[in-house]
N, C-alpha and C. Protein backbone atom coordinates (compact mmCIF):
# COMPACT_ATOMS: atom_id res chain seq x y z
N MET A 1 -93.93 40.05 -12.93
CA MET A 1 -95.46 39.14 -13.22
C MET A 1 -96.16 38.89 -14.46
N ILE A 2 -96.28 39.98 -15.07
CA ILE A 2 -96.65 39.55 -16.59
C ILE A 2 -95.65 38.70 -17.67
N CYS A 3 -94.47 38.84 -16.96
CA CYS A 3 -93.31 38.71 -18.10
C CYS A 3 -93.58 36.79 -18.05
N ALA A 4 -93.60 36.59 -16.36
CA ALA A 4 -93.88 35.04 -15.84
C ALA A 4 -95.51 34.63 -16.52
N LYS A 5 -96.11 35.20 -16.25
CA LYS A 5 -97.54 34.98 -16.44
C LYS A 5 -97.48 34.34 -18.04
N LEU A 6 -96.86 35.36 -18.95
CA LEU A 6 -96.72 35.26 -20.21
C LEU A 6 -95.84 33.75 -20.58
N TYR A 7 -95.05 34.43 -19.95
CA TYR A 7 -94.01 32.50 -19.74
C TYR A 7 -94.72 31.51 -19.29
N LEU A 8 -95.36 31.45 -18.82
CA LEU A 8 -96.15 29.96 -18.41
C LEU A 8 -97.68 29.77 -19.43
N MET A 9 -98.08 30.70 -20.13
CA MET A 9 -99.21 30.48 -21.09
C MET A 9 -98.58 30.02 -22.37
N GLY A 10 -97.00 30.47 -22.52
CA GLY A 10 -96.69 29.55 -23.63
C GLY A 10 -96.37 30.80 -24.64
N VAL A 11 -96.65 32.35 -24.25
CA VAL A 11 -97.16 32.86 -25.36
C VAL A 11 -95.56 33.80 -25.69
N GLY A 12 -95.51 33.71 -27.16
CA GLY A 12 -93.98 34.37 -27.39
C GLY A 12 -92.67 33.99 -27.69
N ARG A 13 -92.65 32.52 -27.45
CA ARG A 13 -91.55 31.97 -27.23
C ARG A 13 -90.64 31.67 -28.26
N SER A 14 -91.62 31.83 -28.82
CA SER A 14 -90.83 32.23 -30.51
C SER A 14 -90.18 33.09 -31.07
N ILE A 15 -90.92 34.34 -30.06
CA ILE A 15 -89.93 36.16 -30.57
C ILE A 15 -88.99 36.04 -29.18
N SER A 16 -88.65 35.07 -28.87
CA SER A 16 -87.63 36.00 -27.26
C SER A 16 -86.68 36.34 -27.68
N PRO A 17 -85.92 35.49 -28.55
CA PRO A 17 -84.95 35.91 -29.14
C PRO A 17 -84.98 37.71 -29.46
N THR A 18 -85.73 37.82 -30.31
CA THR A 18 -86.20 39.01 -31.30
C THR A 18 -86.16 39.85 -29.52
N ALA A 19 -87.43 39.53 -28.77
CA ALA A 19 -87.34 40.99 -28.37
C ALA A 19 -86.22 40.69 -27.23
N PHE A 20 -85.02 40.23 -26.68
CA PHE A 20 -83.93 40.32 -26.53
C PHE A 20 -83.38 41.15 -27.21
N ILE A 21 -82.99 41.06 -28.06
CA ILE A 21 -82.61 42.33 -29.00
C ILE A 21 -82.96 43.39 -29.39
N VAL A 22 -84.08 43.52 -29.20
CA VAL A 22 -84.78 44.98 -29.52
C VAL A 22 -84.68 45.15 -28.40
N GLY A 23 -84.91 44.67 -26.74
CA GLY A 23 -84.98 45.57 -25.79
C GLY A 23 -83.24 45.53 -25.42
N ALA A 24 -82.55 45.01 -25.09
CA ALA A 24 -80.72 45.53 -24.74
C ALA A 24 -80.44 46.59 -26.42
N LEU A 25 -80.91 46.49 -27.38
CA LEU A 25 -80.64 47.91 -28.55
C LEU A 25 -81.54 48.73 -27.72
N TRP A 26 -82.69 48.64 -27.44
CA TRP A 26 -83.30 49.90 -27.15
C TRP A 26 -82.57 50.64 -25.74
N LEU A 27 -82.15 49.45 -24.59
CA LEU A 27 -81.06 49.89 -23.34
C LEU A 27 -79.70 50.88 -23.83
N VAL A 28 -79.18 50.29 -25.13
CA VAL A 28 -78.11 50.43 -25.57
C VAL A 28 -78.20 51.88 -26.16
N LEU A 29 -79.42 52.55 -26.54
CA LEU A 29 -79.57 53.49 -26.98
C LEU A 29 -79.50 54.54 -26.03
N THR A 30 -80.68 54.32 -25.05
CA THR A 30 -80.63 55.18 -23.78
C THR A 30 -78.87 55.76 -22.97
N VAL A 31 -78.26 55.39 -23.61
CA VAL A 31 -77.01 55.37 -22.77
C VAL A 31 -76.36 56.45 -23.32
N TRP A 32 -76.58 56.87 -25.38
CA TRP A 32 -75.91 57.21 -25.79
C TRP A 32 -76.82 58.78 -26.35
N PHE A 33 -78.37 58.06 -25.87
CA PHE A 33 -78.77 59.51 -26.40
C PHE A 33 -79.74 59.67 -24.98
N ARG A 34 -80.09 61.13 -25.29
CA ARG A 34 -81.21 61.52 -23.87
C ARG A 34 -82.62 61.06 -24.36
N PHE A 35 -83.73 61.03 -23.95
CA PHE A 35 -84.86 60.91 -24.41
C PHE A 35 -85.51 61.42 -23.40
N GLU A 36 -86.30 62.34 -22.84
CA GLU A 36 -86.82 63.08 -22.72
C GLU A 36 -88.50 62.30 -22.71
N ILE A 37 -88.49 61.53 -21.99
CA ILE A 37 -89.73 60.35 -22.04
C ILE A 37 -89.71 59.89 -20.75
N ASP A 38 -91.02 59.27 -20.07
CA ASP A 38 -91.26 58.59 -18.82
C ASP A 38 -89.91 57.45 -18.73
N THR A 39 -89.16 56.94 -17.01
CA THR A 39 -88.71 56.33 -17.40
C THR A 39 -89.39 54.77 -17.48
N THR A 40 -90.47 54.91 -17.20
CA THR A 40 -91.43 53.55 -17.45
C THR A 40 -91.09 53.13 -19.03
N TRP A 41 -91.02 53.96 -19.97
CA TRP A 41 -90.65 54.00 -21.74
C TRP A 41 -89.32 53.97 -21.92
N LEU A 42 -88.58 54.40 -20.64
CA LEU A 42 -87.23 54.53 -20.87
C LEU A 42 -86.44 53.26 -20.69
N TRP A 43 -86.66 53.01 -19.45
CA TRP A 43 -86.25 51.69 -19.18
C TRP A 43 -86.91 50.14 -18.75
N GLY A 44 -88.15 51.18 -18.42
CA GLY A 44 -89.00 49.61 -17.82
C GLY A 44 -89.55 48.75 -19.35
N ILE A 45 -90.02 48.96 -20.19
CA ILE A 45 -90.38 48.41 -21.17
C ILE A 45 -89.13 47.63 -22.17
N PRO A 46 -88.01 47.86 -21.77
CA PRO A 46 -87.03 47.61 -22.39
C PRO A 46 -86.47 46.43 -21.64
N ALA A 47 -86.55 46.67 -20.70
CA ALA A 47 -85.81 45.35 -19.58
C ALA A 47 -86.68 44.25 -19.54
N PHE A 48 -88.04 44.60 -19.66
CA PHE A 48 -88.94 43.57 -19.87
C PHE A 48 -88.75 42.86 -20.89
N LEU A 49 -88.46 43.36 -22.15
CA LEU A 49 -88.08 42.76 -23.34
C LEU A 49 -86.68 42.20 -22.99
N VAL A 50 -85.41 42.33 -22.30
CA VAL A 50 -84.53 41.50 -22.02
C VAL A 50 -85.13 40.32 -21.03
N VAL A 51 -85.96 40.54 -20.08
CA VAL A 51 -86.38 39.58 -19.20
C VAL A 51 -86.78 38.37 -19.96
N PHE A 52 -87.48 38.80 -20.85
CA PHE A 52 -88.75 38.37 -21.38
C PHE A 52 -87.82 37.32 -22.62
N GLY A 53 -87.16 38.17 -23.46
CA GLY A 53 -85.99 37.40 -24.09
C GLY A 53 -85.57 36.24 -23.49
N VAL A 54 -84.33 36.52 -22.61
CA VAL A 54 -83.94 35.54 -21.64
C VAL A 54 -84.74 34.39 -21.74
N VAL A 55 -86.07 34.44 -20.70
CA VAL A 55 -86.42 33.50 -20.07
C VAL A 55 -86.90 32.54 -21.03
N GLY A 56 -86.52 32.82 -22.39
CA GLY A 56 -87.74 31.88 -23.35
C GLY A 56 -86.48 31.19 -24.01
N ILE A 57 -84.79 31.81 -23.90
CA ILE A 57 -83.75 30.78 -23.94
C ILE A 57 -83.91 29.80 -23.61
N SER A 58 -83.16 28.85 -24.38
CA SER A 58 -83.07 27.25 -23.30
C SER A 58 -81.91 27.59 -23.08
N GLN A 59 -81.54 26.69 -21.98
CA GLN A 59 -80.30 27.09 -21.00
C GLN A 59 -79.10 25.23 -21.54
N ALA A 60 -77.93 26.59 -21.18
CA ALA A 60 -76.52 25.75 -21.35
C ALA A 60 -76.88 24.38 -20.40
N ASN A 61 -76.44 23.37 -21.34
CA ASN A 61 -76.49 22.27 -20.70
C ASN A 61 -74.32 21.80 -20.17
N ASN A 62 -73.71 22.90 -20.24
CA ASN A 62 -72.46 22.62 -19.32
C ASN A 62 -71.72 22.36 -18.18
N ARG A 63 -71.31 21.36 -18.16
CA ARG A 63 -70.92 21.36 -16.52
C ARG A 63 -69.92 22.64 -16.17
N LEU A 64 -69.32 22.82 -16.66
CA LEU A 64 -68.45 23.94 -16.13
C LEU A 64 -69.54 25.39 -15.72
N LEU A 65 -70.15 25.59 -16.79
CA LEU A 65 -71.25 26.66 -16.54
C LEU A 65 -72.12 25.99 -15.20
N ILE A 66 -72.70 24.70 -15.04
CA ILE A 66 -73.88 24.65 -14.40
C ILE A 66 -73.26 24.68 -13.20
N TYR A 67 -71.63 24.28 -12.41
CA TYR A 67 -70.89 24.01 -11.79
C TYR A 67 -70.98 25.79 -10.93
N LEU A 68 -70.44 26.93 -12.32
CA LEU A 68 -70.06 27.87 -11.49
C LEU A 68 -71.66 28.58 -11.35
N GLY A 69 -72.59 28.39 -12.19
CA GLY A 69 -73.88 28.68 -11.33
C GLY A 69 -74.38 28.11 -9.79
N ASP A 70 -74.07 26.95 -9.84
CA ASP A 70 -74.28 26.91 -8.34
C ASP A 70 -73.29 27.18 -7.05
N ALA A 71 -71.69 27.55 -8.00
CA ALA A 71 -71.05 28.86 -6.93
C ALA A 71 -71.72 29.62 -6.28
N SER A 72 -72.33 30.43 -7.40
CA SER A 72 -72.35 31.84 -7.69
C SER A 72 -72.68 32.67 -6.70
N TYR A 73 -74.30 31.67 -5.47
CA TYR A 73 -74.81 32.38 -4.49
C TYR A 73 -73.77 32.53 -3.38
N SER A 74 -72.87 30.85 -3.64
CA SER A 74 -71.62 30.98 -2.57
C SER A 74 -71.37 32.27 -2.36
N ILE A 75 -70.19 32.55 -3.61
CA ILE A 75 -69.24 33.37 -4.29
C ILE A 75 -70.31 34.70 -3.41
N TYR A 76 -71.42 34.90 -3.93
CA TYR A 76 -72.24 36.50 -3.18
C TYR A 76 -72.37 36.32 -2.09
N LEU A 77 -72.42 35.05 -1.05
CA LEU A 77 -71.94 35.20 0.20
C LEU A 77 -70.61 35.53 0.83
N THR A 78 -70.06 34.95 0.32
CA THR A 78 -68.50 35.25 1.36
C THR A 78 -67.80 36.75 0.50
N GLN A 79 -68.75 37.55 -0.12
CA GLN A 79 -67.88 38.83 -0.38
C GLN A 79 -67.50 39.55 0.24
N VAL A 80 -68.69 39.49 0.92
CA VAL A 80 -68.79 40.67 2.29
C VAL A 80 -68.09 40.81 3.51
N PHE A 81 -67.33 39.75 3.37
CA PHE A 81 -66.15 39.48 4.18
C PHE A 81 -64.89 39.56 3.34
N THR A 82 -64.60 38.88 2.21
CA THR A 82 -63.37 38.85 0.91
C THR A 82 -63.03 40.23 0.84
N ILE A 83 -64.06 41.20 0.75
CA ILE A 83 -63.58 42.61 0.21
C ILE A 83 -63.37 43.35 1.42
N ALA A 84 -63.58 43.11 2.63
CA ALA A 84 -62.80 43.68 3.80
C ALA A 84 -61.74 43.46 3.90
N VAL A 85 -61.41 42.00 3.99
CA VAL A 85 -60.10 41.43 4.02
C VAL A 85 -59.26 42.33 2.54
N PHE A 86 -59.16 42.05 2.03
CA PHE A 86 -58.24 42.59 0.48
C PHE A 86 -58.43 44.35 0.90
N TYR A 87 -59.35 44.91 1.13
CA TYR A 87 -59.50 46.38 1.83
C TYR A 87 -58.59 46.38 2.74
N LYS A 88 -58.46 46.19 4.10
CA LYS A 88 -57.60 46.15 4.34
C LYS A 88 -55.85 45.72 4.05
N ILE A 89 -55.86 44.98 3.82
CA ILE A 89 -54.35 43.99 3.21
C ILE A 89 -53.95 45.44 1.87
N PHE A 90 -54.57 45.35 0.94
CA PHE A 90 -54.24 46.31 0.13
C PHE A 90 -54.02 47.91 0.50
N SER A 91 -54.71 48.59 1.65
CA SER A 91 -54.79 49.96 2.19
C SER A 91 -53.26 49.64 3.32
N LYS A 92 -52.66 48.80 3.50
CA LYS A 92 -51.78 48.65 4.29
C LYS A 92 -50.28 48.78 3.20
N PHE A 93 -50.72 47.63 2.42
CA PHE A 93 -49.76 48.20 1.09
C PHE A 93 -49.37 49.37 0.22
N LEU A 94 -50.72 49.78 0.14
CA LEU A 94 -50.74 51.02 -0.32
C LEU A 94 -50.27 52.67 0.03
N SER A 95 -50.73 52.32 1.76
CA SER A 95 -49.94 53.66 2.68
C SER A 95 -48.46 53.63 2.79
N LYS A 96 -47.74 52.39 2.77
CA LYS A 96 -46.26 51.96 2.84
C LYS A 96 -45.80 52.78 1.37
N SER A 97 -46.15 52.60 0.55
CA SER A 97 -45.43 53.45 -0.27
C SER A 97 -45.62 54.70 -0.79
N HIS A 98 -46.32 55.21 -0.10
CA HIS A 98 -46.59 56.36 -0.52
C HIS A 98 -46.11 57.64 0.96
């Protein structure tokens, strides 16, 4: 909510790429190094910076990307059925080969 409020107020739009880079690097560092700090500082703050940075980036105006974005929700809804179908098909093939 803080991120949305700041975005709607126009705060920090010029620093959004920097916020994204700092947040992404912070998250990458948590993969390689173990820090003994609260998870809010470990993942919450960098996640906020990534979201804040991405919100400030202008959106692509590519027809293919727009089409894929529009289709993504439909793909998400059908995965429940398609995963089960593929599982049944592949489990039959894999069980016959052993």
